[in-house]
Protein backbone atom coordinates (compact mmCIF):
# COMPACT_ATOMS: atom_id res chain seq x y z
CA MET A 1 0.00 0.00 0.00
CA PHE A 2 2.79 2.42 0.93
CA ASN A 3 4.51 1.59 -2.36
CA ILE A 4 1.38 2.63 -4.24
CA PHE A 5 1.22 5.94 -2.34
CA ARG A 6 4.92 6.55 -2.93
CA LYS A 7 4.58 5.88 -6.67
CA SER A 8 1.52 8.14 -6.93
CA LEU A 9 3.33 11.01 -5.21
CA ALA A 10 6.36 10.55 -7.46
CA THR A 11 4.26 10.42 -10.63
CA GLY A 12 2.20 13.48 -9.83
CA ARG A 13 -1.17 14.37 -11.32
CA VAL A 14 -1.91 12.54 -14.55
CA THR A 15 -5.57 13.53 -15.03
CA THR A 16 -6.01 15.54 -18.20
CA PRO A 17 -6.90 19.22 -17.75
CA TYR A 18 -9.32 18.94 -20.66
CA PRO A 19 -11.84 20.53 -21.20
CA ALA A 20 -10.67 23.38 -18.99
CA GLN A 21 -7.51 23.46 -21.09
CA PRO A 22 -6.79 22.19 -24.60
CA ASP A 23 -5.60 18.61 -24.85
CA THR A 24 -2.95 17.86 -27.47
CA PRO A 25 -3.48 14.43 -29.07
CA ALA A 26 -0.63 12.01 -29.57
CA ALA A 27 1.48 12.32 -32.70
CA ALA A 28 0.01 9.14 -34.20
CA PHE A 29 -3.59 10.22 -33.55
CA ARG A 30 -5.80 10.55 -36.63
CA GLY A 31 -8.74 12.91 -36.33
CA ALA A 32 -11.23 13.96 -38.96
CA PRO A 33 -10.00 14.35 -42.56
CA GLN A 34 -9.27 17.97 -43.39
CA LEU A 35 -10.23 19.06 -46.90
CA ALA A 36 -8.45 21.63 -49.05
CA PRO A 37 -10.67 21.93 -52.17
CA GLU A 38 -8.32 24.45 -53.78
CA PHE A 39 -5.79 21.65 -54.34
CA CYS A 40 -8.33 19.12 -55.62
CA GLN A 41 -7.90 18.05 -59.26
CA GLN A 42 -11.08 15.92 -59.38
CA CYS A 43 -9.07 12.74 -60.01
CA GLY A 44 -11.34 10.66 -57.78
CA ALA A 45 -8.48 8.74 -56.13
CA CYS A 46 -9.71 9.53 -52.62
CA ILE A 47 -13.25 8.38 -53.40
CA ARG A 48 -12.03 5.07 -54.77
CA ALA A 49 -9.78 4.56 -51.75
CA CYS A 50 -12.50 5.16 -49.15
CA PRO A 51 -13.64 1.74 -47.85
CA SER A 52 -16.92 2.99 -46.37
CA GLY A 53 -18.14 5.37 -49.08
CA ALA A 54 -17.93 8.35 -46.73
CA LEU A 55 -16.39 10.63 -49.34
CA THR A 56 -17.98 11.95 -52.52
CA THR A 57 -17.31 14.93 -54.77
CA GLU A 58 -19.92 16.90 -52.82
CA TYR A 59 -19.52 16.02 -49.14
CA LEU A 60 -17.67 14.09 -46.46
CA ASP A 61 -19.92 12.04 -44.17
CA LEU A 62 -18.21 11.79 -40.80
CA GLY A 63 -20.89 9.33 -39.74
CA LEU A 64 -19.48 6.84 -42.26
CA CYS A 65 -15.82 7.82 -41.94
CA HIS A 66 -13.55 5.43 -40.03
CA PHE A 67 -10.65 7.93 -39.91
CA CYS A 68 -8.45 5.28 -41.53
CA GLY A 69 -6.48 7.86 -43.52
CA ARG A 70 -6.68 6.01 -46.84
CA CYS A 71 -8.14 9.05 -48.60
CA ALA A 72 -5.19 11.20 -47.50
CA GLU A 73 -2.73 8.52 -48.58
CA ALA A 74 -4.40 8.14 -51.98
CA CYS A 75 -4.63 11.86 -52.81
CA PRO A 76 -1.63 12.79 -55.00
CA HIS A 77 -2.29 16.54 -54.72
CA GLY A 78 -2.41 17.05 -50.95
CA ALA A 79 -6.08 18.03 -50.95
CA ILE A 80 -6.80 15.80 -47.93
CA THR A 81 -4.84 15.57 -44.69
CA MET A 82 -5.68 13.91 -41.40
CA SER A 83 -6.24 16.53 -38.72
CA LYS A 84 -5.99 16.23 -34.94
CA ASP A 85 -9.60 17.35 -34.56
CA PHE A 86 -11.60 15.21 -32.15
CA GLU A 87 -14.28 17.69 -31.05
CA LEU A 88 -16.77 16.33 -33.54
CA ALA A 89 -19.89 15.45 -31.52
CA VAL A 90 -23.15 16.90 -32.87
CA ARG A 91 -26.82 16.61 -31.92
CA GLN A 92 -28.12 16.03 -35.43
CA ARG A 93 -27.02 13.38 -37.90
CA SER A 94 -27.17 15.84 -40.77
CA LEU A 95 -24.45 17.97 -39.15
CA LEU A 96 -21.95 15.20 -39.79
CA LEU A 97 -22.16 15.95 -43.51
CA ARG A 98 -19.39 18.36 -44.40
CA GLN A 99 -20.12 20.01 -47.71
CA ILE A 100 -17.23 20.41 -50.11
CA PRO A 101 -17.31 23.89 -51.66
CA ALA A 102 -17.02 24.04 -55.43
CA THR A 103 -13.77 25.80 -56.32
CA VAL A 104 -13.22 24.29 -59.73
CA SER A 105 -13.80 26.52 -62.75
CA VAL A 106 -15.90 25.59 -65.75
CA GLU A 107 -12.70 25.21 -67.78
CA GLU A 108 -11.20 22.79 -65.26
CA ILE A 109 -14.42 20.79 -65.08
CA GLY A 110 -14.50 20.69 -68.87
CA ALA A 111 -10.89 19.53 -69.11
CA GLU A 112 -11.54 16.62 -66.74
CA LEU A 113 -14.76 15.88 -68.57
CA GLN A 114 -12.87 15.76 -71.86
CA ARG A 115 -10.35 13.28 -70.47
CA THR A 116 -13.09 11.03 -69.14
CA ILE A 117 -15.02 11.17 -72.42
CA ASN A 118 -11.89 10.27 -74.34
CA ARG A 119 -11.42 7.21 -72.17
CA LEU A 120 -15.02 6.02 -72.26
CA PHE A 121 -16.48 7.17 -75.54
CA GLY A 122 -13.51 7.75 -77.83
CA HIS A 123 -13.26 11.56 -77.91
CA SER A 124 -17.00 12.30 -77.90
CA MET A 125 -20.35 11.73 -76.26
CA HIS A 126 -23.56 12.44 -78.11
CA ILE A 127 -26.62 13.64 -76.24
CA ARG A 128 -30.26 13.43 -77.23
CA HIS A 129 -32.61 15.83 -75.45
CA VAL A 130 -36.03 14.40 -74.55
CA ASP A 131 -38.78 16.84 -73.52
CA SER A 132 -41.32 14.81 -71.57
CA GLY A 133 -43.51 17.75 -70.59
CA SER A 134 -41.35 20.70 -69.52
CA CYS A 135 -41.98 24.44 -69.28
CA ASN A 136 -38.82 24.87 -71.41
CA GLY A 137 -36.85 26.47 -68.56
CA CYS A 138 -34.40 23.55 -68.32
CA ASP A 139 -34.38 23.31 -72.10
CA TRP A 140 -33.09 26.86 -72.44
CA GLU A 141 -30.31 26.18 -69.93
CA MET A 142 -29.28 23.22 -72.07
CA VAL A 143 -29.36 25.43 -75.17
CA ALA A 144 -26.98 27.83 -73.39
CA LEU A 145 -24.41 25.04 -73.26
CA THR A 146 -24.09 25.15 -77.05
CA GLY A 147 -23.44 28.90 -77.21
CA PRO A 148 -20.06 30.68 -77.22
CA VAL A 149 -20.04 31.21 -73.45
CA TYR A 150 -19.97 27.52 -72.50
CA ASP A 151 -19.20 26.00 -75.92
CA LEU A 152 -20.09 22.42 -75.05
CA GLN A 153 -18.49 21.08 -78.23
CA ARG A 154 -14.99 21.95 -77.01
CA PHE A 155 -15.40 19.23 -74.38
CA GLY A 156 -16.32 16.58 -76.93
CA LEU A 157 -20.07 16.71 -76.27
CA ASP A 158 -22.80 17.57 -78.73
CA PHE A 159 -26.53 17.19 -79.18
CA VAL A 160 -27.87 14.92 -81.91
CA ALA A 161 -31.26 14.71 -83.56
CA SER A 162 -31.72 10.95 -83.38
CA PRO A 163 -31.61 8.71 -80.29
CA ARG A 164 -29.96 6.05 -82.48
CA HIS A 165 -26.87 8.26 -82.55
CA ALA A 166 -26.97 9.10 -78.83
CA ASP A 167 -24.90 7.86 -75.91
CA CYS A 168 -26.92 9.82 -73.37
CA LEU A 169 -30.52 10.99 -72.98
CA MET A 170 -31.14 14.21 -71.07
CA VAL A 171 -34.77 14.28 -69.94
CA THR A 172 -36.54 17.52 -69.01
CA GLY A 173 -40.04 17.99 -67.63
CA CYS A 174 -42.32 15.74 -65.64
CA PRO A 175 -43.43 12.83 -67.84
CA SER A 176 -47.02 13.48 -68.79
CA LEU A 177 -49.26 10.55 -69.64
CA HIS A 178 -49.30 11.57 -73.29
CA LEU A 179 -45.48 11.59 -73.52
CA VAL A 180 -44.63 8.46 -71.53
CA GLN A 181 -44.68 6.31 -74.65
CA ALA A 182 -42.45 8.78 -76.49
CA LEU A 183 -39.90 8.65 -73.67
CA GLU A 184 -39.99 4.85 -73.59
CA LYS A 185 -39.51 4.56 -77.35
CA THR A 186 -36.68 7.09 -77.33
CA TYR A 187 -34.94 5.10 -74.61
CA GLU A 188 -35.40 1.83 -76.49
CA ALA A 189 -34.03 3.39 -79.68
CA ALA A 190 -30.77 4.47 -78.03
CA PRO A 191 -27.95 1.91 -78.36
CA ASN A 192 -26.27 0.31 -75.36
CA PRO A 193 -24.51 1.44 -73.27
CA ARG A 194 -26.95 4.29 -72.82
CA LEU A 195 -27.13 6.86 -70.05
CA VAL A 196 -30.13 8.80 -68.77
CA VAL A 197 -29.96 12.15 -66.97
CA ALA A 198 -32.98 13.68 -65.21
CA VAL A 199 -32.58 17.44 -65.60
CA GLY A 200 -34.40 19.67 -63.13
CA THR A 201 -36.93 19.17 -60.37
CA CYS A 202 -39.75 18.16 -62.69
CA ALA A 203 -37.77 15.34 -64.30
CA ILE A 204 -36.57 14.18 -60.88
CA SER A 205 -39.84 14.10 -58.95
CA GLY A 206 -42.62 15.68 -60.97
CA GLY A 207 -42.11 18.97 -59.16
CA MET A 208 -45.16 21.15 -58.65
CA PHE A 209 -47.16 18.86 -60.90
CA ALA A 210 -46.40 15.58 -59.13
CA ASP A 211 -49.97 15.22 -57.85
CA SER A 212 -51.60 16.03 -61.18
CA TYR A 213 -53.79 13.39 -62.81
CA ALA A 214 -51.91 14.00 -66.07
CA VAL A 215 -48.40 13.41 -64.68
CA LEU A 216 -46.80 10.06 -63.92
CA GLY A 217 -44.05 11.44 -61.63
CA GLY A 218 -40.31 11.60 -62.20
CA ALA A 219 -38.47 10.22 -65.21
CA ASP A 220 -37.29 7.24 -63.18
CA LYS A 221 -40.87 6.01 -63.10
CA VAL A 222 -40.54 5.40 -66.84
CA VAL A 223 -36.87 4.65 -67.59
CA PRO A 224 -33.77 3.92 -65.46
CA VAL A 225 -32.02 7.16 -64.49
CA ASP A 226 -28.25 7.31 -64.02
CA LEU A 227 -27.96 10.90 -62.78
CA TYR A 228 -30.19 13.53 -61.18
CA ILE A 229 -29.40 17.24 -61.63
CA PRO A 230 -31.63 19.26 -59.26
CA GLY A 231 -32.68 22.84 -59.87
CA CYS A 232 -35.53 24.84 -61.32
CA PRO A 233 -33.84 25.19 -63.68
CA PRO A 234 -30.25 24.01 -63.05
CA ARG A 235 -27.69 26.46 -64.41
CA PRO A 236 -25.36 25.44 -67.25
CA GLN A 237 -22.44 24.94 -64.84
CA ALA A 238 -24.60 22.46 -62.91
CA LEU A 239 -25.28 20.55 -66.12
CA LEU A 240 -21.55 20.37 -66.90
CA TYR A 241 -20.79 19.21 -63.39
CA GLY A 242 -23.51 16.60 -63.61
CA LEU A 243 -22.17 15.16 -66.84
CA LEU A 244 -18.71 14.91 -65.29
CA LYS A 245 -20.14 13.14 -62.27
CA LEU A 246 -22.02 10.74 -64.49
CA LEU A 247 -18.96 9.82 -66.53
CA ASN A 248 -16.82 9.34 -63.44
CA ARG A 249 -19.46 6.94 -62.18
CA LEU A 250 -18.98 4.82 -65.29
CA GLY A 251 -15.22 5.10 -65.18
């Protein structure tokens, strides 16, 4: 007993002063991943390395993250490092989602999109627009992609008149009962592998008209959808980003 007292007196107080004072973690401690979007080159190495699917191009889900550090090890550009942050407790599950701010320019997105298209579709991807009952708001945003400001063709993408020449279908509007068959036939006419993008709120869920007797719902009620681009309408940059995301999914 006296030996225990003697050792305790010699050792001194070992109780941490935290939270009254900051507590410095050990050198080998791995806290939450720290993101530096300005260094990100959209290569996707970190996403492929994550074993739990906690990391996407849009957010980091700390509720899925195991703090294993594989994302930081895989990133060749130093966009992810493992911090010493351990004060991470929150009251709501949604607060564990850390949004990744978009810092990539349209030109950078387009360059990555071009590289992905070259790998998957041999220098080009042809798009067929399918209007299944839109107000034309999303349609005009798509038209803007073909103008001199965004110049979609410089990225190897272009719109075609026939679904038989298309690699991708971009659907706008909530499918009305009178246009369901047209959407189905357009999808069937497109050769495999074919992609489908739901553009805007109406194509995703039916939007304001979801409860109408004349509307079936979102485009995925009619054909399989590979990508959803929300917005009313989504801006041209959102459409470019969506196409890049879609192609990375295939790659």
